[in-house]
């Protein structure tokens, strides 16, 4: 920003001097300074323009279907299902290609909520609401794990069944 202010001041001073003298009396040095300033401003403007174009290109590439699928695959491979849920929601991954990932996210979410409500029901023995919620999420998890829509999620269904329900 200070660079632009400096250029503006030089341009203003040159313009004022140019108005006070006749065009024929301008010195070659002043012409060179003015042209240099114009060249620097053009370089700056084009640099910002090309930088912005590069950022837009990267953004478009990052939001492509193949990159979003790769990101979801990496997240599942790392076993970070909390991040998977976030990725699917943030990037609006509702295409047909993401349905297996949504099923995985549902498995994880139901298992997670089941464990939370089960622990809460154990701590608060008189609370039927916690026990009812734990039962609801357990049923949902059992239903998904019993018959996953996508065969590629079969191994995760077995994993979540074993981890949360304790059956194999």
C-alpha atoms as a PDB file:
ATOM      1  CA  UNK A   1       0.000   0.000   0.000  1.00  0.00           C
ATOM      2  CA  UNK A   2       2.759   2.557   0.782  1.00  0.00           C
ATOM      3  CA  UNK A   3       4.233   1.716  -2.630  1.00  0.00           C
ATOM      4  CA  UNK A   4       1.007   2.757  -4.337  1.00  0.00           C
ATOM      5  CA  UNK A   5       0.806   5.979  -2.327  1.00  0.00           C
ATOM      6  CA  UNK A   6       4.396   6.794  -3.301  1.00  0.00           C
ATOM      7  CA  UNK A   7       3.607   6.201  -6.966  1.00  0.00           C
ATOM      8  CA  UNK A   8       0.487   8.356  -6.735  1.00  0.00           C
ATOM      9  CA  UNK A   9       2.456  11.231  -5.191  1.00  0.00           C
ATOM     10  CA  UNK A  10       5.158  11.038  -7.874  1.00  0.00           C
ATOM     11  CA  UNK A  11       2.522  10.960 -10.593  1.00  0.00           C
ATOM     12  CA  UNK A  12       0.746  13.964  -9.089  1.00  0.00           C
ATOM     13  CA  UNK A  13       3.953  16.005  -8.803  1.00  0.00           C
ATOM     14  CA  UNK A  14       4.943  15.169 -12.348  1.00  0.00           C
ATOM     15  CA  UNK A  15       1.492  16.091 -13.634  1.00  0.00           C
ATOM     16  CA  UNK A  16       1.587  19.454 -11.795  1.00  0.00           C
ATOM     17  CA  UNK A  17       4.986  20.285 -13.252  1.00  0.00           C
ATOM     18  CA  UNK A  18       3.857  19.156 -16.671  1.00  0.00           C
ATOM     19  CA  UNK A  19       0.872  21.528 -16.540  1.00  0.00           C
ATOM     20  CA  UNK A  20       3.036  24.471 -15.501  1.00  0.00           C
ATOM     21  CA  UNK A  21       5.430  24.101 -18.451  1.00  0.00           C
ATOM     22  CA  UNK A  22       4.932  23.695 -22.107  1.00  0.00           C
ATOM     23  CA  UNK A  23       5.089  20.183 -23.489  1.00  0.00           C
ATOM     24  CA  UNK A  24       8.261  20.888 -25.414  1.00  0.00           C
ATOM     25  CA  UNK A  25      10.237  21.860 -22.310  1.00  0.00           C
ATOM     26  CA  UNK A  26       9.958  18.521 -20.500  1.00  0.00           C
ATOM     27  CA  UNK A  27      13.268  16.889 -19.768  1.00  0.00           C
ATOM     28  CA  UNK A  28      14.077  13.378 -20.875  1.00  0.00           C
ATOM     29  CA  UNK A  29      14.734  12.335 -17.241  1.00  0.00           C
ATOM     30  CA  UNK A  30      11.208  13.223 -16.231  1.00  0.00           C
ATOM     31  CA  UNK A  31       9.840  11.238 -19.128  1.00  0.00           C
ATOM     32  CA  UNK A  32      11.901   8.226 -18.097  1.00  0.00           C
ATOM     33  CA  UNK A  33      10.720   8.510 -14.458  1.00  0.00           C
ATOM     34  CA  UNK A  34       7.097   8.764 -15.535  1.00  0.00           C
ATOM     35  CA  UNK A  35       7.377   5.782 -17.910  1.00  0.00           C
ATOM     36  CA  UNK A  36       9.136   3.759 -15.202  1.00  0.00           C
ATOM     37  CA  UNK A  37       6.323   4.469 -12.795  1.00  0.00           C
ATOM     38  CA  UNK A  38       3.767   3.389 -15.375  1.00  0.00           C
ATOM     39  CA  UNK A  39       5.697   0.187 -16.044  1.00  0.00           C
ATOM     40  CA  UNK A  40       5.912  -0.609 -12.305  1.00  0.00           C
ATOM     41  CA  UNK A  41       2.193   0.002 -11.844  1.00  0.00           C
ATOM     42  CA  UNK A  42       1.420  -2.246 -14.816  1.00  0.00           C
ATOM     43  CA  UNK A  43       3.696  -4.977 -13.458  1.00  0.00           C
ATOM     44  CA  UNK A  44       1.976  -4.724 -10.083  1.00  0.00           C
ATOM     45  CA  UNK A  45      -1.515  -4.852 -11.571  1.00  0.00           C
ATOM     46  CA  UNK A  46      -0.701  -7.812 -13.833  1.00  0.00           C
ATOM     47  CA  UNK A  47       1.026  -9.661 -10.974  1.00  0.00           C
ATOM     48  CA  UNK A  48      -2.084  -9.324  -8.826  1.00  0.00           C
ATOM     49  CA  UNK A  49      -4.255 -10.351 -11.765  1.00  0.00           C
ATOM     50  CA  UNK A  50      -2.239 -13.511 -12.510  1.00  0.00           C
ATOM     51  CA  UNK A  51      -1.999 -14.382  -8.820  1.00  0.00           C
ATOM     52  CA  UNK A  52      -5.777 -14.129  -8.556  1.00  0.00           C
ATOM     53  CA  UNK A  53      -6.219 -16.293 -11.651  1.00  0.00           C
ATOM     54  CA  UNK A  54      -3.917 -18.910 -10.125  1.00  0.00           C
ATOM     55  CA  UNK A  55      -5.897 -18.917  -6.884  1.00  0.00           C
ATOM     56  CA  UNK A  56      -9.166 -19.325  -8.792  1.00  0.00           C
ATOM     57  CA  UNK A  57      -7.678 -22.219 -10.783  1.00  0.00           C
ATOM     58  CA  UNK A  58      -6.493 -23.948  -7.591  1.00  0.00           C
ATOM     59  CA  UNK A  59      -9.906 -23.451  -6.007  1.00  0.00           C
ATOM     60  CA  UNK A  60     -11.654 -24.984  -9.004  1.00  0.00           C
ATOM     61  CA  UNK A  61      -9.243 -27.941  -8.999  1.00  0.00           C
ATOM     62  CA  UNK A  62      -9.687 -28.464  -5.247  1.00  0.00           C
ATOM     63  CA  UNK A  63     -13.454 -28.532  -5.638  1.00  0.00           C
ATOM     64  CA  UNK A  64     -13.437 -31.053  -8.466  1.00  0.00           C
ATOM     65  CA  UNK A  65     -15.250 -34.326  -7.895  1.00  0.00           C
ATOM     66  CA  UNK A  66     -12.075 -36.416  -8.144  1.00  0.00           C
ATOM     67  CA  UNK A  67     -10.248 -34.330  -5.523  1.00  0.00           C
ATOM     68  CA  UNK A  68     -13.204 -34.398  -3.151  1.00  0.00           C
ATOM     69  CA  UNK A  69     -13.453 -38.193  -3.544  1.00  0.00           C
ATOM     70  CA  UNK A  70      -9.719 -38.535  -2.921  1.00  0.00           C
ATOM     71  CA  UNK A  71     -10.024 -36.393   0.197  1.00  0.00           C
ATOM     72  CA  UNK A  72     -12.890 -38.520   1.505  1.00  0.00           C
ATOM     73  CA  UNK A  73     -10.895 -41.703   0.780  1.00  0.00           C
ATOM     74  CA  UNK A  74      -7.873 -40.395   2.671  1.00  0.00           C
ATOM     75  CA  UNK A  75     -10.034 -39.475   5.618  1.00  0.00           C
ATOM     76  CA  UNK A  76     -11.597 -42.945   5.763  1.00  0.00           C
ATOM     77  CA  UNK A  77      -8.185 -44.601   5.416  1.00  0.00           C
ATOM     78  CA  UNK A  78      -6.977 -42.572   8.408  1.00  0.00           C
ATOM     79  CA  UNK A  79     -10.050 -43.675  10.359  1.00  0.00           C
ATOM     80  CA  UNK A  80     -11.090 -40.086  11.040  1.00  0.00           C
ATOM     81  CA  UNK A  81     -14.850 -40.400  10.673  1.00  0.00           C
ATOM     82  CA  UNK A  82     -15.543 -37.162  12.514  1.00  0.00           C
ATOM     83  CA  UNK A  83     -13.623 -35.307   9.825  1.00  0.00           C
ATOM     84  CA  UNK A  84     -15.421 -37.334   7.140  1.00  0.00           C
ATOM     85  CA  UNK A  85     -18.770 -36.042   8.373  1.00  0.00           C
ATOM     86  CA  UNK A  86     -17.415 -32.482   8.353  1.00  0.00           C
ATOM     87  CA  UNK A  87     -15.963 -32.828   4.859  1.00  0.00           C
ATOM     88  CA  UNK A  88     -19.208 -34.183   3.452  1.00  0.00           C
ATOM     89  CA  UNK A  89     -21.248 -31.356   4.947  1.00  0.00           C
ATOM     90  CA  UNK A  90     -18.853 -28.492   4.258  1.00  0.00           C
ATOM     91  CA  UNK A  91     -18.309 -29.345   0.587  1.00  0.00           C
ATOM     92  CA  UNK A  92     -21.960 -30.309  -0.062  1.00  0.00           C
ATOM     93  CA  UNK A  93     -20.954 -33.762  -1.240  1.00  0.00           C
ATOM     94  CA  UNK A  94     -24.430 -35.009  -2.125  1.00  0.00           C
ATOM     95  CA  UNK A  95     -23.567 -36.556  -5.473  1.00  0.00           C
ATOM     96  CA  UNK A  96     -24.263 -40.238  -6.069  1.00  0.00           C
ATOM     97  CA  UNK A  97     -20.533 -41.008  -5.789  1.00  0.00           C
ATOM     98  CA  UNK A  98     -20.592 -39.955  -2.136  1.00  0.00           C
ATOM     99  CA  UNK A  99     -23.431 -42.211  -0.986  1.00  0.00           C
ATOM    100  CA  UNK A 100     -21.041 -44.889   0.364  1.00  0.00           C
ATOM    101  CA  UNK A 101     -19.285 -42.194   2.388  1.00  0.00           C
ATOM    102  CA  UNK A 102     -22.578 -40.955   3.791  1.00  0.00           C
ATOM    103  CA  UNK A 103     -23.391 -44.516   4.855  1.00  0.00           C
ATOM    104  CA  UNK A 104     -20.023 -44.695   6.631  1.00  0.00           C
ATOM    105  CA  UNK A 105     -20.748 -41.377   8.310  1.00  0.00           C
ATOM    106  CA  UNK A 106     -24.156 -42.674   9.463  1.00  0.00           C
ATOM    107  CA  UNK A 107     -22.516 -45.801  10.887  1.00  0.00           C
ATOM    108  CA  UNK A 108     -20.042 -43.711  12.805  1.00  0.00           C
ATOM    109  CA  UNK A 109     -22.602 -41.162  14.018  1.00  0.00           C
ATOM    110  CA  UNK A 110     -25.064 -43.762  15.232  1.00  0.00           C
ATOM    111  CA  UNK A 111     -22.316 -45.684  17.034  1.00  0.00           C
ATOM    112  CA  UNK A 112     -20.958 -42.519  18.578  1.00  0.00           C
ATOM    113  CA  UNK A 113     -24.335 -41.330  19.849  1.00  0.00           C
ATOM    114  CA  UNK A 114     -25.187 -44.817  21.051  1.00  0.00           C
ATOM    115  CA  UNK A 115     -22.062 -44.908  23.232  1.00  0.00           C
ATOM    116  CA  UNK A 116     -22.668 -41.416  24.594  1.00  0.00           C
ATOM    117  CA  UNK A 117     -26.277 -42.118  25.572  1.00  0.00           C
ATOM    118  CA  UNK A 118     -25.382 -45.556  26.910  1.00  0.00           C
ATOM    119  CA  UNK A 119     -22.749 -44.045  29.212  1.00  0.00           C
ATOM    120  CA  UNK A 120     -25.168 -41.294  30.256  1.00  0.00           C
ATOM    121  CA  UNK A 121     -27.849 -43.886  31.021  1.00  0.00           C
ATOM    122  CA  UNK A 122     -25.370 -45.843  33.159  1.00  0.00           C
ATOM    123  CA  UNK A 123     -24.390 -42.715  35.109  1.00  0.00           C
ATOM    124  CA  UNK A 124     -27.987 -41.584  35.581  1.00  0.00           C
ATOM    125  CA  UNK A 125     -29.786 -44.844  36.282  1.00  0.00           C
ATOM    126  CA  UNK A 126     -33.204 -43.246  36.740  1.00  0.00           C
ATOM    127  CA  UNK A 127     -33.155 -41.365  33.443  1.00  0.00           C
ATOM    128  CA  UNK A 128     -35.320 -43.170  30.898  1.00  0.00           C
ATOM    129  CA  UNK A 129     -34.658 -40.582  28.211  1.00  0.00           C
ATOM    130  CA  UNK A 130     -30.983 -41.495  27.978  1.00  0.00           C
ATOM    131  CA  UNK A 131     -31.789 -45.198  27.915  1.00  0.00           C
ATOM    132  CA  UNK A 132     -34.395 -44.616  25.183  1.00  0.00           C
ATOM    133  CA  UNK A 133     -31.977 -42.608  23.064  1.00  0.00           C
ATOM    134  CA  UNK A 134     -29.256 -45.232  23.533  1.00  0.00           C
ATOM    135  CA  UNK A 135     -31.706 -47.887  22.377  1.00  0.00           C
ATOM    136  CA  UNK A 136     -32.721 -45.796  19.348  1.00  0.00           C
ATOM    137  CA  UNK A 137     -29.140 -45.278  18.172  1.00  0.00           C
ATOM    138  CA  UNK A 138     -28.262 -48.912  18.839  1.00  0.00           C
ATOM    139  CA  UNK A 139     -31.176 -50.033  16.659  1.00  0.00           C
ATOM    140  CA  UNK A 140     -30.120 -47.655  13.893  1.00  0.00           C
ATOM    141  CA  UNK A 141     -26.536 -48.895  14.071  1.00  0.00           C
ATOM    142  CA  UNK A 142     -27.610 -52.538  14.058  1.00  0.00           C
ATOM    143  CA  UNK A 143     -29.852 -51.921  11.046  1.00  0.00           C
ATOM    144  CA  UNK A 144     -27.091 -50.230   9.045  1.00  0.00           C
ATOM    145  CA  UNK A 145     -24.445 -52.771  10.066  1.00  0.00           C
ATOM    146  CA  UNK A 146     -26.724 -55.739   9.429  1.00  0.00           C
ATOM    147  CA  UNK A 147     -27.371 -54.843   5.825  1.00  0.00           C
ATOM    148  CA  UNK A 148     -25.160 -52.068   4.398  1.00  0.00           C
ATOM    149  CA  UNK A 149     -26.364 -50.658   1.091  1.00  0.00           C
ATOM    150  CA  UNK A 150     -22.861 -50.743  -0.363  1.00  0.00           C
ATOM    151  CA  UNK A 151     -20.752 -53.872  -0.335  1.00  0.00           C
ATOM    152  CA  UNK A 152     -17.586 -51.816   0.041  1.00  0.00           C
ATOM    153  CA  UNK A 153     -18.824 -50.783   3.489  1.00  0.00           C
ATOM    154  CA  UNK A 154     -19.190 -54.380   4.710  1.00  0.00           C
ATOM    155  CA  UNK A 155     -15.818 -54.319   6.486  1.00  0.00           C
ATOM    156  CA  UNK A 156     -16.765 -51.096   8.286  1.00  0.00           C
ATOM    157  CA  UNK A 157     -20.126 -52.545   9.266  1.00  0.00           C
ATOM    158  CA  UNK A 158     -18.297 -55.448  10.908  1.00  0.00           C
ATOM    159  CA  UNK A 159     -15.875 -53.045  12.545  1.00  0.00           C
ATOM    160  CA  UNK A 160     -18.597 -50.774  13.982  1.00  0.00           C
ATOM    161  CA  UNK A 161     -20.688 -53.737  15.072  1.00  0.00           C
ATOM    162  CA  UNK A 162     -17.724 -55.164  16.959  1.00  0.00           C
ATOM    163  CA  UNK A 163     -16.595 -51.823  18.369  1.00  0.00           C
ATOM    164  CA  UNK A 164     -19.936 -50.454  19.571  1.00  0.00           C
ATOM    165  CA  UNK A 165     -22.260 -53.384  19.930  1.00  0.00           C
ATOM    166  CA  UNK A 166     -19.735 -56.078  20.779  1.00  0.00           C
ATOM    167  CA  UNK A 167     -21.027 -58.657  18.289  1.00  0.00           C
ATOM    168  CA  UNK A 168     -19.261 -60.094  15.353  1.00  0.00           C
END
